[in-house]
């Protein structure tokens, strides 16, 4: 079984970049990234989720730890 990974140590693999860096009213908006489905811990509960975060920042959803999904059953 995988160990929990702190979002401060490493974020889940990027599955998709949802935006490009851009400027809005003179402020730079960084790229928004989305992971694939992972298991998440937010300090209260465990859930399966897709994680989103801006480049160089922590996840938007408030998760603190994550781990990859296990391999699905063969049948």
PDB file of N, CA and C in Angstrom:
ATOM      1  N   UNK A   1       0.835  -1.184   0.000  1.00  0.00           N
ATOM      2  CA  UNK A   1       0.000   0.000   0.000  1.00  0.00           C
ATOM      3  C   UNK A   1       0.878   1.245   0.000  1.00  0.00           C
ATOM      4  N   UNK A   2       0.481   2.229  -0.728  1.00  0.00           N
ATOM      5  CA  UNK A   2       1.228   3.479  -0.807  1.00  0.00           C
ATOM      6  C   UNK A   2       1.137   4.258   0.501  1.00  0.00           C
ATOM      7  N   UNK A   3       2.105   5.093   0.725  1.00  0.00           N
ATOM      8  CA  UNK A   3       2.109   5.979   1.882  1.00  0.00           C
ATOM      9  C   UNK A   3       1.489   7.315   1.489  1.00  0.00           C
ATOM     10  N   UNK A   4       0.940   8.022   2.465  1.00  0.00           N
ATOM     11  CA  UNK A   4       0.403   9.365   2.224  1.00  0.00           C
ATOM     12  C   UNK A   4       1.541  10.300   1.842  1.00  0.00           C
ATOM     13  N   UNK A   5       1.284  11.178   0.884  1.00  0.00           N
ATOM     14  CA  UNK A   5       2.271  12.157   0.411  1.00  0.00           C
ATOM     15  C   UNK A   5       1.760  13.546   0.761  1.00  0.00           C
ATOM     16  N   UNK A   6       2.553  14.313   1.465  1.00  0.00           N
ATOM     17  CA  UNK A   6       2.169  15.681   1.820  1.00  0.00           C
ATOM     18  C   UNK A   6       2.195  16.561   0.572  1.00  0.00           C
ATOM     19  N   UNK A   7       1.200  17.440   0.423  1.00  0.00           N
ATOM     20  CA  UNK A   7       1.194  18.360  -0.724  1.00  0.00           C
ATOM     21  C   UNK A   7       2.345  19.359  -0.627  1.00  0.00           C
ATOM     22  N   UNK A   8       2.926  19.506   0.566  1.00  0.00           N
ATOM     23  CA  UNK A   8       4.097  20.378   0.717  1.00  0.00           C
ATOM     24  C   UNK A   8       5.349  19.727   0.138  1.00  0.00           C
ATOM     25  N   UNK A   9       5.358  18.382   0.090  1.00  0.00           N
ATOM     26  CA  UNK A   9       6.494  17.646  -0.469  1.00  0.00           C
ATOM     27  C   UNK A   9       6.356  17.444  -1.975  1.00  0.00           C
ATOM     28  N   UNK A  10       5.122  17.122  -2.412  1.00  0.00           N
ATOM     29  CA  UNK A  10       4.909  16.817  -3.832  1.00  0.00           C
ATOM     30  C   UNK A  10       3.415  16.839  -4.127  1.00  0.00           C
ATOM     31  N   UNK A  11       3.054  17.395  -5.259  1.00  0.00           N
ATOM     32  CA  UNK A  11       1.670  17.387  -5.715  1.00  0.00           C
ATOM     33  C   UNK A  11       1.443  16.199  -6.635  1.00  0.00           C
ATOM     34  N   UNK A  12       0.179  15.795  -6.823  1.00  0.00           N
ATOM     35  CA  UNK A  12      -0.086  14.665  -7.728  1.00  0.00           C
ATOM     36  C   UNK A  12       0.394  14.977  -9.147  1.00  0.00           C
ATOM     37  N   UNK A  13       0.610  13.947  -9.963  1.00  0.00           N
ATOM     38  CA  UNK A  13       1.016  14.195 -11.347  1.00  0.00           C
ATOM     39  C   UNK A  13      -0.028  15.050 -12.073  1.00  0.00           C
ATOM     40  N   UNK A  14       0.448  15.967 -12.882  1.00  0.00           N
ATOM     41  CA  UNK A  14      -0.441  16.835 -13.660  1.00  0.00           C
ATOM     42  C   UNK A  14      -1.039  16.026 -14.799  1.00  0.00           C
ATOM     43  N   UNK A  15      -2.355  16.017 -14.876  1.00  0.00           N
ATOM     44  CA  UNK A  15      -3.028  15.347 -15.985  1.00  0.00           C
ATOM     45  C   UNK A  15      -3.391  16.351 -17.078  1.00  0.00           C
ATOM     46  N   UNK A  16      -3.653  17.598 -16.645  1.00  0.00           N
ATOM     47  CA  UNK A  16      -4.087  18.603 -17.611  1.00  0.00           C
ATOM     48  C   UNK A  16      -3.798  20.000 -17.084  1.00  0.00           C
ATOM     49  N   UNK A  17      -3.309  20.879 -17.945  1.00  0.00           N
ATOM     50  CA  UNK A  17      -3.182  22.299 -17.630  1.00  0.00           C
ATOM     51  C   UNK A  17      -4.455  22.971 -18.138  1.00  0.00           C
ATOM     52  N   UNK A  18      -5.178  23.627 -17.246  1.00  0.00           N
ATOM     53  CA  UNK A  18      -6.468  24.211 -17.601  1.00  0.00           C
ATOM     54  C   UNK A  18      -6.370  25.634 -18.123  1.00  0.00           C
ATOM     55  N   UNK A  19      -5.222  26.253 -17.960  1.00  0.00           N
ATOM     56  CA  UNK A  19      -5.060  27.626 -18.432  1.00  0.00           C
ATOM     57  C   UNK A  19      -3.584  27.906 -18.686  1.00  0.00           C
ATOM     58  N   UNK A  20      -3.329  28.975 -19.396  1.00  0.00           N
ATOM     59  CA  UNK A  20      -1.976  29.465 -19.585  1.00  0.00           C
ATOM     60  C   UNK A  20      -1.788  30.656 -18.660  1.00  0.00           C
ATOM     61  N   UNK A  21      -0.535  30.961 -18.268  1.00  0.00           N
ATOM     62  CA  UNK A  21      -0.336  32.166 -17.472  1.00  0.00           C
ATOM     63  C   UNK A  21      -0.853  33.367 -18.261  1.00  0.00           C
ATOM     64  N   UNK A  22      -1.470  34.307 -17.578  1.00  0.00           N
ATOM     65  CA  UNK A  22      -1.984  35.499 -18.255  1.00  0.00           C
ATOM     66  C   UNK A  22      -1.974  36.671 -17.292  1.00  0.00           C
ATOM     67  N   UNK A  23      -2.229  37.850 -17.807  1.00  0.00           N
ATOM     68  CA  UNK A  23      -2.297  39.069 -17.004  1.00  0.00           C
ATOM     69  C   UNK A  23      -3.749  39.517 -16.920  1.00  0.00           C
ATOM     70  N   UNK A  24      -4.195  39.909 -15.734  1.00  0.00           N
ATOM     71  CA  UNK A  24      -5.532  40.432 -15.528  1.00  0.00           C
ATOM     72  C   UNK A  24      -5.413  41.653 -14.640  1.00  0.00           C
ATOM     73  N   UNK A  25      -5.757  42.803 -15.188  1.00  0.00           N
ATOM     74  CA  UNK A  25      -5.656  44.073 -14.463  1.00  0.00           C
ATOM     75  C   UNK A  25      -4.258  44.272 -13.871  1.00  0.00           C
ATOM     76  N   UNK A  26      -3.248  43.912 -14.655  1.00  0.00           N
ATOM     77  CA  UNK A  26      -1.862  44.114 -14.255  1.00  0.00           C
ATOM     78  C   UNK A  26      -1.298  43.054 -13.325  1.00  0.00           C
ATOM     79  N   UNK A  27      -2.105  42.063 -12.960  1.00  0.00           N
ATOM     80  CA  UNK A  27      -1.619  40.986 -12.094  1.00  0.00           C
ATOM     81  C   UNK A  27      -1.506  39.708 -12.903  1.00  0.00           C
ATOM     82  N   UNK A  28      -0.412  38.975 -12.671  1.00  0.00           N
ATOM     83  CA  UNK A  28      -0.230  37.714 -13.389  1.00  0.00           C
ATOM     84  C   UNK A  28      -1.034  36.603 -12.725  1.00  0.00           C
ATOM     85  N   UNK A  29      -1.804  35.898 -13.523  1.00  0.00           N
ATOM     86  CA  UNK A  29      -2.569  34.730 -13.076  1.00  0.00           C
ATOM     87  C   UNK A  29      -1.770  33.504 -13.521  1.00  0.00           C
ATOM     88  N   UNK A  30      -1.306  32.669 -12.575  1.00  0.00           N
ATOM     89  CA  UNK A  30      -0.498  31.508 -12.960  1.00  0.00           C
ATOM     90  C   UNK A  30      -1.343  30.407 -13.606  1.00  0.00           C
ATOM     91  N   UNK A  31      -0.678  29.438 -14.198  1.00  0.00           N
ATOM     92  CA  UNK A  31      -1.329  28.287 -14.812  1.00  0.00           C
ATOM     93  C   UNK A  31      -2.097  27.491 -13.757  1.00  0.00           C
ATOM     94  N   UNK A  32      -3.296  27.046 -14.122  1.00  0.00           N
ATOM     95  CA  UNK A  32      -4.105  26.185 -13.256  1.00  0.00           C
ATOM     96  C   UNK A  32      -3.928  24.743 -13.727  1.00  0.00           C
ATOM     97  N   UNK A  33      -3.536  23.851 -12.797  1.00  0.00           N
ATOM     98  CA  UNK A  33      -3.295  22.455 -13.118  1.00  0.00           C
ATOM     99  C   UNK A  33      -4.379  21.582 -12.503  1.00  0.00           C
ATOM    100  N   UNK A  34      -4.607  20.417 -13.137  1.00  0.00           N
ATOM    101  CA  UNK A  34      -5.558  19.427 -12.627  1.00  0.00           C
ATOM    102  C   UNK A  34      -4.891  18.063 -12.677  1.00  0.00           C
ATOM    103  N   UNK A  35      -5.040  17.313 -11.577  1.00  0.00           N
ATOM    104  CA  UNK A  35      -4.507  15.948 -11.517  1.00  0.00           C
ATOM    105  C   UNK A  35      -5.545  14.966 -12.046  1.00  0.00           C
ATOM    106  N   UNK A  36      -5.157  13.701 -12.114  1.00  0.00           N
ATOM    107  CA  UNK A  36      -6.121  12.631 -12.298  1.00  0.00           C
ATOM    108  C   UNK A  36      -6.719  12.301 -10.933  1.00  0.00           C
ATOM    109  N   UNK A  37      -7.556  11.307 -10.876  1.00  0.00           N
ATOM    110  CA  UNK A  37      -8.190  10.897  -9.616  1.00  0.00           C
ATOM    111  C   UNK A  37      -7.140  10.336  -8.663  1.00  0.00           C
ATOM    112  N   UNK A  38      -7.168  10.795  -7.421  1.00  0.00           N
ATOM    113  CA  UNK A  38      -6.281  10.322  -6.362  1.00  0.00           C
ATOM    114  C   UNK A  38      -7.091  10.190  -5.072  1.00  0.00           C
ATOM    115  N   UNK A  39      -6.512   9.583  -4.062  1.00  0.00           N
ATOM    116  CA  UNK A  39      -7.120   9.532  -2.732  1.00  0.00           C
ATOM    117  C   UNK A  39      -6.589  10.729  -1.957  1.00  0.00           C
ATOM    118  N   UNK A  40      -7.476  11.467  -1.294  1.00  0.00           N
ATOM    119  CA  UNK A  40      -7.098  12.722  -0.625  1.00  0.00           C
ATOM    120  C   UNK A  40      -7.455  12.698   0.858  1.00  0.00           C
ATOM    121  N   UNK A  41      -6.702  13.458   1.634  1.00  0.00           N
ATOM    122  CA  UNK A  41      -6.980  13.686   3.061  1.00  0.00           C
ATOM    123  C   UNK A  41      -6.971  15.188   3.275  1.00  0.00           C
ATOM    124  N   UNK A  42      -8.032  15.731   3.893  1.00  0.00           N
ATOM    125  CA  UNK A  42      -8.120  17.171   4.128  1.00  0.00           C
ATOM    126  C   UNK A  42      -8.071  17.543   5.600  1.00  0.00           C
ATOM    127  N   UNK A  43      -7.659  16.587   6.434  1.00  0.00           N
ATOM    128  CA  UNK A  43      -7.605  16.831   7.870  1.00  0.00           C
ATOM    129  C   UNK A  43      -8.857  16.353   8.587  1.00  0.00           C
ATOM    130  N   UNK A  44      -9.915  16.020   7.820  1.00  0.00           N
ATOM    131  CA  UNK A  44     -11.169  15.562   8.403  1.00  0.00           C
ATOM    132  C   UNK A  44     -11.642  14.239   7.816  1.00  0.00           C
ATOM    133  N   UNK A  45     -11.425  14.059   6.519  1.00  0.00           N
ATOM    134  CA  UNK A  45     -11.941  12.854   5.863  1.00  0.00           C
ATOM    135  C   UNK A  45     -11.060  12.442   4.685  1.00  0.00           C
ATOM    136  N   UNK A  46     -11.210  11.171   4.317  1.00  0.00           N
ATOM    137  CA  UNK A  46     -10.546  10.605   3.149  1.00  0.00           C
ATOM    138  C   UNK A  46     -11.570  10.574   2.021  1.00  0.00           C
ATOM    139  N   UNK A  47     -11.150  10.949   0.820  1.00  0.00           N
ATOM    140  CA  UNK A  47     -12.062  10.919  -0.334  1.00  0.00           C
ATOM    141  C   UNK A  47     -11.260  10.708  -1.606  1.00  0.00           C
ATOM    142  N   UNK A  48     -11.940  10.249  -2.633  1.00  0.00           N
ATOM    143  CA  UNK A  48     -11.356  10.193  -3.964  1.00  0.00           C
ATOM    144  C   UNK A  48     -11.674  11.509  -4.656  1.00  0.00           C
ATOM    145  N   UNK A  49     -10.684  12.103  -5.291  1.00  0.00           N
ATOM    146  CA  UNK A  49     -10.918  13.419  -5.876  1.00  0.00           C
ATOM    147  C   UNK A  49      -9.905  13.735  -6.957  1.00  0.00           C
ATOM    148  N   UNK A  50     -10.221  14.732  -7.747  1.00  0.00           N
ATOM    149  CA  UNK A  50      -9.289  15.348  -8.683  1.00  0.00           C
ATOM    150  C   UNK A  50      -8.799  16.625  -8.005  1.00  0.00           C
ATOM    151  N   UNK A  51      -7.498  16.840  -8.006  1.00  0.00           N
ATOM    152  CA  UNK A  51      -6.907  17.979  -7.306  1.00  0.00           C
ATOM    153  C   UNK A  51      -6.583  19.090  -8.309  1.00  0.00           C
ATOM    154  N   UNK A  52      -6.902  20.326  -7.955  1.00  0.00           N
ATOM    155  CA  UNK A  52      -6.561  21.491  -8.790  1.00  0.00           C
ATOM    156  C   UNK A  52      -5.714  22.461  -7.974  1.00  0.00           C
ATOM    157  N   UNK A  53      -4.726  23.072  -8.640  1.00  0.00           N
ATOM    158  CA  UNK A  53      -3.869  24.053  -7.981  1.00  0.00           C
ATOM    159  C   UNK A  53      -3.269  24.977  -9.024  1.00  0.00           C
ATOM    160  N   UNK A  54      -2.956  26.193  -8.571  1.00  0.00           N
ATOM    161  CA  UNK A  54      -2.239  27.134  -9.420  1.00  0.00           C
ATOM    162  C   UNK A  54      -0.750  26.865  -9.295  1.00  0.00           C
ATOM    163  N   UNK A  55      -0.016  27.088 -10.389  1.00  0.00           N
ATOM    164  CA  UNK A  55       1.432  26.862 -10.417  1.00  0.00           C
ATOM    165  C   UNK A  55       2.094  27.514  -9.200  1.00  0.00           C
ATOM    166  N   UNK A  56       2.889  26.731  -8.481  1.00  0.00           N
ATOM    167  CA  UNK A  56       3.641  27.245  -7.347  1.00  0.00           C
ATOM    168  C   UNK A  56       2.835  27.396  -6.069  1.00  0.00           C
ATOM    169  N   UNK A  57       1.579  26.907  -6.048  1.00  0.00           N
ATOM    170  CA  UNK A  57       0.732  27.054  -4.867  1.00  0.00           C
ATOM    171  C   UNK A  57       0.192  25.701  -4.415  1.00  0.00           C
ATOM    172  N   UNK A  58      -0.424  25.693  -3.247  1.00  0.00           N
ATOM    173  CA  UNK A  58      -1.028  24.468  -2.717  1.00  0.00           C
ATOM    174  C   UNK A  58      -2.409  24.260  -3.321  1.00  0.00           C
ATOM    175  N   UNK A  59      -2.978  23.049  -3.212  1.00  0.00           N
ATOM    176  CA  UNK A  59      -4.277  22.764  -3.805  1.00  0.00           C
ATOM    177  C   UNK A  59      -5.384  23.703  -3.330  1.00  0.00           C
ATOM    178  N   UNK A  60      -6.331  23.972  -4.221  1.00  0.00           N
ATOM    179  CA  UNK A  60      -7.459  24.854  -3.930  1.00  0.00           C
ATOM    180  C   UNK A  60      -8.434  24.228  -2.939  1.00  0.00           C
ATOM    181  N   UNK A  61      -8.523  22.914  -2.926  1.00  0.00           N
ATOM    182  CA  UNK A  61      -9.526  22.211  -2.123  1.00  0.00           C
ATOM    183  C   UNK A  61      -9.172  22.083  -0.646  1.00  0.00           C
ATOM    184  N   UNK A  62      -7.979  22.462  -0.254  1.00  0.00           N
ATOM    185  CA  UNK A  62      -7.580  22.360   1.143  1.00  0.00           C
ATOM    186  C   UNK A  62      -7.034  21.003   1.550  1.00  0.00           C
ATOM    187  N   UNK A  63      -6.788  20.104   0.575  1.00  0.00           N
ATOM    188  CA  UNK A  63      -6.215  18.810   0.955  1.00  0.00           C
ATOM    189  C   UNK A  63      -4.796  19.003   1.467  1.00  0.00           C
ATOM    190  N   UNK A  64      -4.404  18.130   2.383  1.00  0.00           N
ATOM    191  CA  UNK A  64      -3.057  18.213   2.954  1.00  0.00           C
ATOM    192  C   UNK A  64      -2.173  17.056   2.512  1.00  0.00           C
ATOM    193  N   UNK A  65      -2.812  15.909   2.174  1.00  0.00           N
ATOM    194  CA  UNK A  65      -2.073  14.711   1.768  1.00  0.00           C
ATOM    195  C   UNK A  65      -2.843  13.991   0.674  1.00  0.00           C
ATOM    196  N   UNK A  66      -2.122  13.183  -0.095  1.00  0.00           N
ATOM    197  CA  UNK A  66      -2.749  12.412  -1.172  1.00  0.00           C
ATOM    198  C   UNK A  66      -1.966  11.128  -1.379  1.00  0.00           C
ATOM    199  N   UNK A  67      -2.568  10.180  -2.100  1.00  0.00           N
ATOM    200  CA  UNK A  67      -1.872   8.971  -2.534  1.00  0.00           C
ATOM    201  C   UNK A  67      -2.528   8.483  -3.819  1.00  0.00           C
ATOM    202  N   UNK A  68      -1.774   7.772  -4.654  1.00  0.00           N
ATOM    203  CA  UNK A  68      -2.361   7.231  -5.889  1.00  0.00           C
ATOM    204  C   UNK A  68      -3.470   6.233  -5.572  1.00  0.00           C
ATOM    205  N   UNK A  69      -4.407   6.081  -6.499  1.00  0.00           N
ATOM    206  CA  UNK A  69      -5.431   5.055  -6.366  1.00  0.00           C
ATOM    207  C   UNK A  69      -4.775   3.674  -6.491  1.00  0.00           C
ATOM    208  N   UNK A  70      -5.296   2.693  -5.782  1.00  0.00           N
ATOM    209  CA  UNK A  70      -4.763   1.337  -5.964  1.00  0.00           C
ATOM    210  C   UNK A  70      -5.122   0.803  -7.343  1.00  0.00           C
ATOM    211  N   UNK A  71      -4.468  -0.263  -7.748  1.00  0.00           N
ATOM    212  CA  UNK A  71      -4.780  -0.926  -9.006  1.00  0.00           C
ATOM    213  C   UNK A  71      -6.184  -1.518  -8.917  1.00  0.00           C
ATOM    214  N   UNK A  72      -7.031  -1.289  -9.933  1.00  0.00           N
ATOM    215  CA  UNK A  72      -8.391  -1.844  -9.864  1.00  0.00           C
ATOM    216  C   UNK A  72      -8.381  -3.363  -9.959  1.00  0.00           C
ATOM    217  N   UNK A  73      -9.458  -4.004  -9.505  1.00  0.00           N
ATOM    218  CA  UNK A  73      -9.539  -5.466  -9.600  1.00  0.00           C
ATOM    219  C   UNK A  73      -9.486  -5.943 -11.042  1.00  0.00           C
ATOM    220  N   UNK A  74      -8.992  -7.144 -11.254  1.00  0.00           N
ATOM    221  CA  UNK A  74      -8.891  -7.699 -12.599  1.00  0.00           C
ATOM    222  C   UNK A  74     -10.255  -8.117 -13.150  1.00  0.00           C
ATOM    223  N   UNK A  75     -11.210  -8.439 -12.293  1.00  0.00           N
ATOM    224  CA  UNK A  75     -12.540  -8.875 -12.736  1.00  0.00           C
ATOM    225  C   UNK A  75     -13.582  -7.838 -12.450  1.00  0.00           C
TER     226      UNK A  75
END
